[in-house]
Amino acid sequence: MPQLFSPLQLRDVTFKNRIVVSPMCQYSGNDGFANDWHLVHLGSRAAGGAGLVFTEAIAVSPEGRISPHDLGLWQDEHISFLKRITSFIESQGSVPGIQLAHAGRKASLTEPWNGDRQLTATEGGWPTLAPSAVPFSADRQTPQELTTDGIQTIIAAFRAAAVRALQAGFKVLELHGAHGYLINEFLSPLSNHRTDEYGGTFDNRIRFLMNIIHEVRAVWPTQYPLFLRISATDWTDDGWSIEDSARLAPLVQAAGVDLIDCSSGGNASDVKIPAGPGYQVPFAAAVRMAGIPTGAVGIIVTAEQAEEILINGQADLIFMARELLRDPYFPLHAAMTLNYDEMSWPVQYDRAKRKPSSGRR
């Protein structure tokens, strides 16, 4: 059996294969609510055979949205449609996962296809929040520095959203601590200039994250995994580093995190990232050396490439994004590429698994 199609168990949840639909923002909701687009988008990837299907980043509060059209889970009314999505994902033998997030200083933007720019007040924009009053770039607004009470309010929002995620039927929860969003902003000295207990030293800069993990784990069932996505490096010498990530790994694992999803960048606007096939895989390998399972991400586009990552022991799960936008049925096609005949197809599609010599079509 190819490693890509071997099952993986974390806590009491078993993934039928190692292919993960990475969280991908769709910017297609309204007031935080999911709709038919999200059902079809996520449902088709479950039908396509992925072992774990993540929602996009779901905001824990209205001001935590990247754009006005992000999904949210700050009120009970958001639960119902998400439950419809998780039910369908599970009906296809996949595990439904949710990523909870707060965009911090990178909130209040237009959709990418509308310029990916700061919204004005007349366009419905809102003030952004951050560890410190440091803008992401010259063309972005200066965020409001969070007070201690404001920090506690956001931590409580993550906890409340985790309760709602459970009610919506999710079996894996991921905290978004990457790409320059709020948790990442606290971790990185580039964006965290605080002098209180949430800034300065490494232990202080990770405190916000550790507090969130503690509160989420208090309500997230022990039988269900908790993931953490990080930017393993800021790609600049004076920022968060891979050494910091390796140092963080055993601390979050002891607090209840089961896997670290290793991305990078997003917190500095003026760095050049040497992107290329598998360019972030070494980060997953380095963090995995600290003794925690990891997910590899970043321009992984072929079955052979994904299989090699697993064979080499560089990661435990393969998170895929744009390739799964191009091909929702990548897992089914990858099974054929790797000559794995035991891959189950939706019964409605089974007759297409191999070309029939005769019979009904």
Protein backbone atom coordinates (compact mmCIF):
# COMPACT_ATOMS: atom_id res chain seq x y z
CA MET A 1 0.00 0.00 0.00
CA PRO A 2 1.36 3.46 -0.84
CA GLN A 3 2.05 5.57 2.22
CA LEU A 4 -0.27 8.22 0.81
CA PHE A 5 -3.19 5.82 1.23
CA SER A 6 -2.28 4.35 4.58
CA PRO A 7 -4.62 5.30 7.42
CA LEU A 8 -3.51 7.55 10.26
CA GLN A 9 -5.06 7.65 13.71
CA LEU A 10 -4.79 10.68 15.98
CA ARG A 11 -6.59 10.26 19.29
CA ASP A 12 -9.83 8.43 18.40
CA VAL A 13 -10.10 9.78 14.86
CA THR A 14 -8.80 7.76 11.90
CA PHE A 15 -8.09 9.35 8.53
CA LYS A 16 -8.50 6.90 5.68
CA ASN A 17 -5.54 8.40 3.85
CA ARG A 18 -2.95 11.16 4.29
CA ILE A 19 -4.47 13.70 1.87
CA VAL A 20 -5.88 16.82 3.51
CA VAL A 21 -7.95 19.56 1.90
CA SER A 22 -6.12 22.58 3.26
CA PRO A 23 -8.19 25.52 4.54
CA MET A 24 -8.84 27.81 1.57
CA CYS A 25 -10.78 31.06 1.90
CA GLN A 26 -13.65 31.35 -0.56
CA TYR A 27 -14.80 34.89 0.31
CA SER A 28 -18.34 33.82 -0.55
CA GLY A 29 -20.31 34.00 2.69
CA ASN A 30 -22.64 36.66 4.05
CA ASP A 31 -22.55 37.83 7.67
CA GLY A 32 -20.47 34.76 8.50
CA PHE A 33 -22.96 32.25 7.12
CA ALA A 34 -21.96 29.34 4.90
CA ASN A 35 -24.12 28.59 1.87
CA ASP A 36 -24.53 26.22 -1.07
CA TRP A 37 -21.17 27.26 -2.52
CA HIS A 38 -19.36 25.97 0.56
CA LEU A 39 -21.40 22.77 0.58
CA VAL A 40 -20.53 22.00 -3.02
CA HIS A 41 -16.91 23.17 -2.71
CA LEU A 42 -16.13 21.09 0.38
CA GLY A 43 -18.49 18.26 -0.48
CA SER A 44 -16.91 17.66 -3.88
CA ARG A 45 -13.48 17.30 -2.29
CA ALA A 46 -14.90 14.75 0.16
CA ALA A 47 -16.45 12.86 -2.74
CA GLY A 48 -13.04 13.15 -4.40
CA GLY A 49 -11.52 10.97 -1.69
CA ALA A 50 -9.57 13.25 0.66
CA GLY A 51 -9.11 11.81 4.14
CA LEU A 52 -9.60 15.13 5.94
CA VAL A 53 -11.55 18.11 4.60
CA PHE A 54 -10.99 21.48 6.27
CA THR A 55 -13.23 24.49 6.03
CA GLU A 56 -11.68 27.83 5.21
CA ALA A 57 -10.49 30.00 8.09
CA ILE A 58 -13.63 30.68 10.14
CA ALA A 59 -13.61 33.88 12.15
CA VAL A 60 -14.31 33.75 15.88
CA SER A 61 -15.64 37.32 15.86
CA PRO A 62 -16.91 39.77 13.22
CA GLU A 63 -13.81 41.97 13.45
CA GLY A 64 -11.66 38.86 13.04
CA ARG A 65 -12.74 38.35 9.42
CA ILE A 66 -10.28 38.96 6.60
CA SER A 67 -13.13 40.24 4.44
CA PRO A 68 -16.85 40.89 4.96
CA HIS A 69 -17.52 37.64 3.11
CA ASP A 70 -15.54 35.29 5.36
CA LEU A 71 -17.31 32.56 7.28
CA GLY A 72 -17.81 32.96 11.00
CA LEU A 73 -18.78 31.04 14.11
CA TRP A 74 -19.45 33.81 16.57
CA GLN A 75 -23.16 33.05 16.95
CA ASP A 76 -25.25 29.90 17.29
CA GLU A 77 -27.13 30.67 14.09
CA HIS A 78 -23.99 29.83 12.10
CA ILE A 79 -24.11 26.21 13.23
CA SER A 80 -27.01 24.87 11.17
CA PHE A 81 -25.57 25.12 7.66
CA LEU A 82 -22.13 23.98 8.82
CA LYS A 83 -23.82 20.88 10.24
CA ARG A 84 -25.21 20.16 6.79
CA ILE A 85 -21.67 20.34 5.39
CA THR A 86 -20.09 18.11 8.04
CA SER A 87 -22.82 15.52 7.59
CA PHE A 88 -22.13 15.27 3.88
CA ILE A 89 -18.36 15.11 4.36
CA GLU A 90 -18.77 12.21 6.79
CA SER A 91 -21.17 10.44 4.44
CA GLN A 92 -18.27 10.20 1.98
CA GLY A 93 -15.94 8.60 4.51
CA SER A 94 -13.92 11.78 5.09
CA VAL A 95 -13.32 13.58 8.36
CA PRO A 96 -14.69 17.14 8.66
CA GLY A 97 -12.21 19.67 10.04
CA ILE A 98 -12.60 23.33 10.95
CA GLN A 99 -9.98 26.07 11.18
CA LEU A 100 -10.68 28.86 13.67
CA ALA A 101 -9.02 32.20 13.12
CA HIS A 102 -8.79 35.89 13.87
CA ALA A 103 -7.24 38.04 11.15
CA GLY A 104 -5.85 40.70 13.50
CA ARG A 105 -4.24 43.59 11.63
CA LYS A 106 -4.87 41.83 8.28
CA ALA A 107 -8.64 42.15 8.62
CA SER A 108 -11.11 44.45 6.85
CA LEU A 109 -9.97 43.78 3.28
CA THR A 110 -11.71 43.43 -0.06
CA GLU A 111 -11.80 40.02 -1.72
CA PRO A 112 -8.66 39.11 -3.73
CA TRP A 113 -10.51 39.51 -7.03
CA ASN A 114 -11.51 43.01 -5.94
CA GLY A 115 -8.01 44.22 -5.27
CA ASP A 116 -7.16 42.69 -1.87
CA ARG A 117 -7.01 46.20 -0.41
CA GLN A 118 -8.05 47.88 2.81
CA LEU A 119 -11.75 48.65 3.00
CA THR A 120 -12.71 52.23 3.70
CA ALA A 121 -15.27 53.13 6.35
CA THR A 122 -17.82 54.01 3.65
CA GLU A 123 -17.31 50.54 2.15
CA GLY A 124 -18.09 48.89 5.46
CA GLY A 125 -14.54 48.57 6.76
CA TRP A 126 -13.83 48.29 10.47
CA PRO A 127 -10.91 49.07 12.82
CA THR A 128 -8.38 46.26 13.05
CA LEU A 129 -6.80 44.82 16.20
CA ALA A 130 -3.26 43.63 16.88
CA PRO A 131 -0.74 43.04 19.66
CA SER A 132 0.83 46.42 18.85
CA ALA A 133 -0.07 49.47 16.79
CA VAL A 134 2.14 48.38 13.88
CA PRO A 135 0.59 48.28 10.38
CA PHE A 136 1.28 45.31 8.11
CA SER A 137 2.39 47.62 5.29
CA ALA A 138 2.30 51.27 4.30
CA ASP A 139 -1.02 50.88 2.49
CA ARG A 140 -2.80 49.24 5.43
CA GLN A 141 -4.39 50.92 8.42
CA THR A 142 -2.60 51.13 11.75
CA PRO A 143 -4.30 48.62 14.04
CA GLN A 144 -5.51 49.30 17.54
CA GLU A 145 -3.26 47.77 20.21
CA LEU A 146 -5.24 45.23 22.17
CA THR A 147 -5.79 45.85 25.84
CA THR A 148 -5.46 43.00 28.31
CA ASP A 149 -9.26 42.86 28.52
CA GLY A 150 -9.44 42.78 24.72
CA ILE A 151 -7.04 39.84 24.66
CA GLN A 152 -9.20 37.94 27.13
CA THR A 153 -12.29 38.66 25.04
CA ILE A 154 -10.68 37.09 21.95
CA ILE A 155 -9.46 34.07 23.91
CA ALA A 156 -13.03 33.57 25.13
CA ALA A 157 -14.25 33.89 21.53
CA PHE A 158 -11.99 31.03 20.43
CA ARG A 159 -13.38 28.88 23.24
CA ALA A 160 -16.99 29.71 22.36
CA ALA A 161 -16.36 29.00 18.67
CA ALA A 162 -14.85 25.61 19.57
CA VAL A 163 -18.05 24.71 21.43
CA ARG A 164 -20.09 25.65 18.37
CA ALA A 165 -17.71 23.71 16.10
CA LEU A 166 -18.42 20.58 18.12
CA GLN A 167 -22.16 21.20 17.84
CA ALA A 168 -21.74 21.59 14.08
CA GLY A 169 -20.25 18.11 13.81
CA PHE A 170 -16.55 18.77 13.26
CA LYS A 171 -14.09 16.09 14.39
CA VAL A 172 -10.81 18.02 13.97
CA LEU A 173 -10.18 21.59 15.03
CA GLU A 174 -7.22 23.66 13.83
CA LEU A 175 -6.08 26.98 15.27
CA HIS A 176 -4.78 29.36 12.61
CA GLY A 177 -1.48 30.66 13.95
CA ALA A 178 0.09 31.45 10.58
CA HIS A 179 0.19 33.89 7.66
CA GLY A 180 0.38 37.09 9.67
CA TYR A 181 -2.99 36.72 11.37
CA LEU A 182 -3.53 37.50 15.03
CA ILE A 183 -1.91 34.48 16.72
CA ASN A 184 1.08 34.79 14.37
CA GLU A 185 1.24 38.51 15.15
CA PHE A 186 1.65 37.74 18.85
CA LEU A 187 4.33 35.10 18.19
CA SER A 188 6.51 37.26 15.97
CA PRO A 189 8.74 40.09 17.26
CA LEU A 190 8.08 41.87 13.95
CA SER A 191 4.51 42.62 15.00
CA ASN A 192 4.59 42.19 18.77
CA HIS A 193 6.24 45.15 20.49
CA ARG A 194 4.40 44.77 23.79
CA THR A 195 6.12 45.20 27.14
CA ASP A 196 3.55 43.36 29.27
CA GLU A 197 3.10 39.64 29.89
CA TYR A 198 2.09 39.13 26.23
CA GLY A 199 5.24 40.58 24.67
CA GLY A 200 9.01 40.71 24.77
CA THR A 201 10.43 37.29 25.63
CA PHE A 202 9.64 34.09 23.75
CA ASP A 203 7.58 32.79 26.68
CA ASN A 204 5.56 35.99 26.76
CA ARG A 205 4.98 36.11 22.99
CA ILE A 206 3.60 32.55 22.97
CA ARG A 207 1.32 33.24 25.95
CA PHE A 208 -1.66 34.32 23.82
CA LEU A 209 -1.48 31.09 21.82
CA MET A 210 -0.98 28.95 24.92
CA ASN A 211 -3.98 30.59 26.59
CA ILE A 212 -6.13 29.84 23.53
CA ILE A 213 -4.98 26.21 23.43
CA HIS A 214 -5.81 25.84 27.13
CA GLU A 215 -9.30 27.29 26.72
CA VAL A 216 -10.08 25.36 23.54
CA ARG A 217 -8.81 22.06 24.93
CA ALA A 218 -11.06 22.58 27.96
CA VAL A 219 -14.13 22.29 25.71
CA TRP A 220 -12.84 20.27 22.75
CA PRO A 221 -13.35 16.53 23.47
CA THR A 222 -10.29 14.53 24.43
CA GLN A 223 -11.10 11.98 21.72
CA TYR A 224 -10.82 14.59 18.94
CA PRO A 225 -7.53 15.98 17.59
CA LEU A 226 -6.44 19.59 17.85
CA PHE A 227 -4.15 20.94 15.11
CA LEU A 228 -2.14 24.14 14.95
CA ARG A 229 -1.11 25.89 11.75
CA ILE A 230 2.03 27.99 12.09
CA SER A 231 4.23 30.08 9.90
CA ALA A 232 7.43 28.20 10.65
CA THR A 233 9.48 31.25 9.66
CA ASP A 234 8.90 34.90 8.84
CA TRP A 235 11.64 34.61 6.19
CA THR A 236 13.63 37.40 7.84
CA ASP A 237 16.46 37.28 10.36
CA ASP A 238 14.74 39.51 12.90
CA GLY A 239 11.44 37.61 12.90
CA TRP A 240 10.05 34.27 14.01
CA SER A 241 12.37 31.43 12.97
CA ILE A 242 12.33 27.70 12.39
CA GLU A 243 14.29 27.39 15.63
CA ASP A 244 11.44 29.17 17.41
CA SER A 245 8.97 26.76 15.79
CA ALA A 246 10.95 23.73 16.94
CA ARG A 247 11.07 25.22 20.44
CA LEU A 248 7.31 25.84 20.39
CA ALA A 249 6.43 22.31 19.24
CA PRO A 250 6.86 20.35 22.50
CA LEU A 251 5.17 23.12 24.48
CA VAL A 252 1.98 23.07 22.42
CA GLN A 253 2.07 19.28 22.28
CA ALA A 254 2.13 19.12 26.07
CA ALA A 255 -0.82 21.54 26.10
CA GLY A 256 -2.92 19.28 23.86
CA VAL A 257 -1.98 19.95 20.24
CA ASP A 258 -1.73 16.74 18.21
CA LEU A 259 -0.26 17.96 14.90
CA ILE A 260 1.45 21.09 13.61
CA ASP A 261 0.59 22.16 10.08
CA CYS A 262 3.77 23.88 8.89
CA SER A 263 3.33 26.81 6.53
CA SER A 264 5.44 29.98 6.46
CA GLY A 265 5.50 33.73 5.84
CA GLY A 266 2.67 36.23 5.70
CA ASN A 267 3.70 38.50 8.57
CA ALA A 268 6.21 40.67 6.71
CA SER A 269 5.21 42.49 3.55
CA ASP A 270 8.70 43.12 2.20
CA VAL A 271 10.34 39.70 2.16
CA LYS A 272 11.05 37.53 -0.85
CA ILE A 273 9.99 33.93 -0.37
CA PRO A 274 11.79 31.37 -2.56
CA ALA A 275 8.64 29.49 -3.48
CA GLY A 276 8.94 26.30 -5.48
CA PRO A 277 7.74 22.69 -5.42
CA GLY A 278 7.78 21.46 -1.83
CA TYR A 279 9.59 24.55 -0.57
CA GLN A 280 7.97 24.37 2.88
CA VAL A 281 8.38 20.64 3.40
CA PRO A 282 11.73 21.04 5.24
CA PHE A 283 9.87 23.02 7.91
CA ALA A 284 7.52 20.12 8.55
CA ALA A 285 10.51 17.79 8.73
CA ALA A 286 12.35 20.03 11.20
CA VAL A 287 9.35 20.46 13.50
CA ARG A 288 8.64 16.72 13.31
CA MET A 289 12.11 16.14 14.75
CA ALA A 290 10.80 17.70 17.96
CA GLY A 291 8.55 14.66 18.35
CA ILE A 292 5.16 15.90 17.14
CA PRO A 293 3.30 14.81 13.99
CA THR A 294 3.33 17.40 11.22
CA GLY A 295 1.54 18.34 8.04
CA ALA A 296 3.45 19.39 4.93
CA VAL A 297 2.14 22.16 2.69
CA GLY A 298 3.32 24.28 -0.21
CA ILE A 299 3.19 23.50 -3.95
CA ILE A 300 2.67 19.77 -3.55
CA VAL A 301 1.06 18.87 -6.87
CA THR A 302 1.72 15.22 -7.76
CA ALA A 303 1.04 11.85 -6.19
CA GLU A 304 4.71 10.89 -6.51
CA GLN A 305 5.83 14.06 -4.72
CA ALA A 306 3.38 13.50 -1.86
CA GLU A 307 4.39 9.85 -1.54
CA GLU A 308 8.08 10.75 -1.38
CA ILE A 309 7.48 13.21 1.47
CA LEU A 310 5.83 10.49 3.51
CA ILE A 311 8.38 7.80 2.66
CA ASN A 312 11.18 10.13 3.70
CA GLY A 313 9.52 10.72 7.06
CA GLN A 314 9.23 14.48 6.51
CA ALA A 315 5.57 14.72 7.49
CA ASP A 316 2.55 12.66 8.53
CA LEU A 317 -0.15 14.39 6.47
CA ILE A 318 -0.09 16.13 3.10
CA PHE A 319 -2.05 19.40 3.05
CA MET A 320 -3.03 20.38 -0.47
CA ALA A 321 -4.70 23.58 -1.63
CA ARG A 322 -4.46 24.86 -5.20
CA GLU A 323 -3.99 21.43 -6.73
CA LEU A 324 -7.29 20.43 -5.13
CA LEU A 325 -8.90 23.55 -6.57
CA ARG A 326 -7.72 22.41 -9.99
CA ASP A 327 -8.70 18.80 -9.40
CA PRO A 328 -11.23 17.98 -6.65
CA TYR A 329 -10.72 14.29 -7.44
CA PHE A 330 -6.95 14.33 -7.04
CA PRO A 331 -7.04 11.51 -4.43
CA LEU A 332 -8.88 9.20 -6.85
CA HIS A 333 -6.45 10.03 -9.63
CA ALA A 334 -3.45 9.70 -7.30
CA ALA A 335 -4.55 6.19 -6.35
CA MET A 336 -4.50 5.20 -10.00
CA THR A 337 -1.10 6.85 -10.48
CA LEU A 338 0.34 4.89 -7.54
CA ASN A 339 -1.40 1.66 -8.65
CA TYR A 340 -3.52 1.48 -5.53
CA ASP A 341 -6.62 -0.47 -6.53
CA GLU A 342 -8.32 -0.52 -3.13
CA MET A 343 -9.24 3.17 -3.12
CA SER A 344 -13.00 3.43 -2.62
CA TRP A 345 -14.96 5.66 -4.96
CA PRO A 346 -18.44 7.06 -4.36
CA VAL A 347 -20.80 4.28 -5.38
CA GLN A 348 -22.41 6.65 -7.85
CA TYR A 349 -19.05 6.96 -9.64
CA ASP A 350 -17.75 3.43 -9.21
CA ARG A 351 -18.48 2.42 -12.79
CA ALA A 352 -15.95 5.03 -13.92
CA LYS A 353 -13.17 3.53 -11.82
CA ARG A 354 -12.10 1.47 -14.80
CA LYS A 355 -13.26 1.49 -18.38
CA PRO A 356 -16.08 -1.08 -18.75
CA SER A 357 -15.99 -3.55 -21.63
CA SER A 358 -19.75 -3.74 -21.74
CA GLY A 359 -22.87 -3.08 -19.74
CA ARG A 360 -24.86 -0.10 -18.66
CA ARG A 361 -23.18 3.30 -18.48
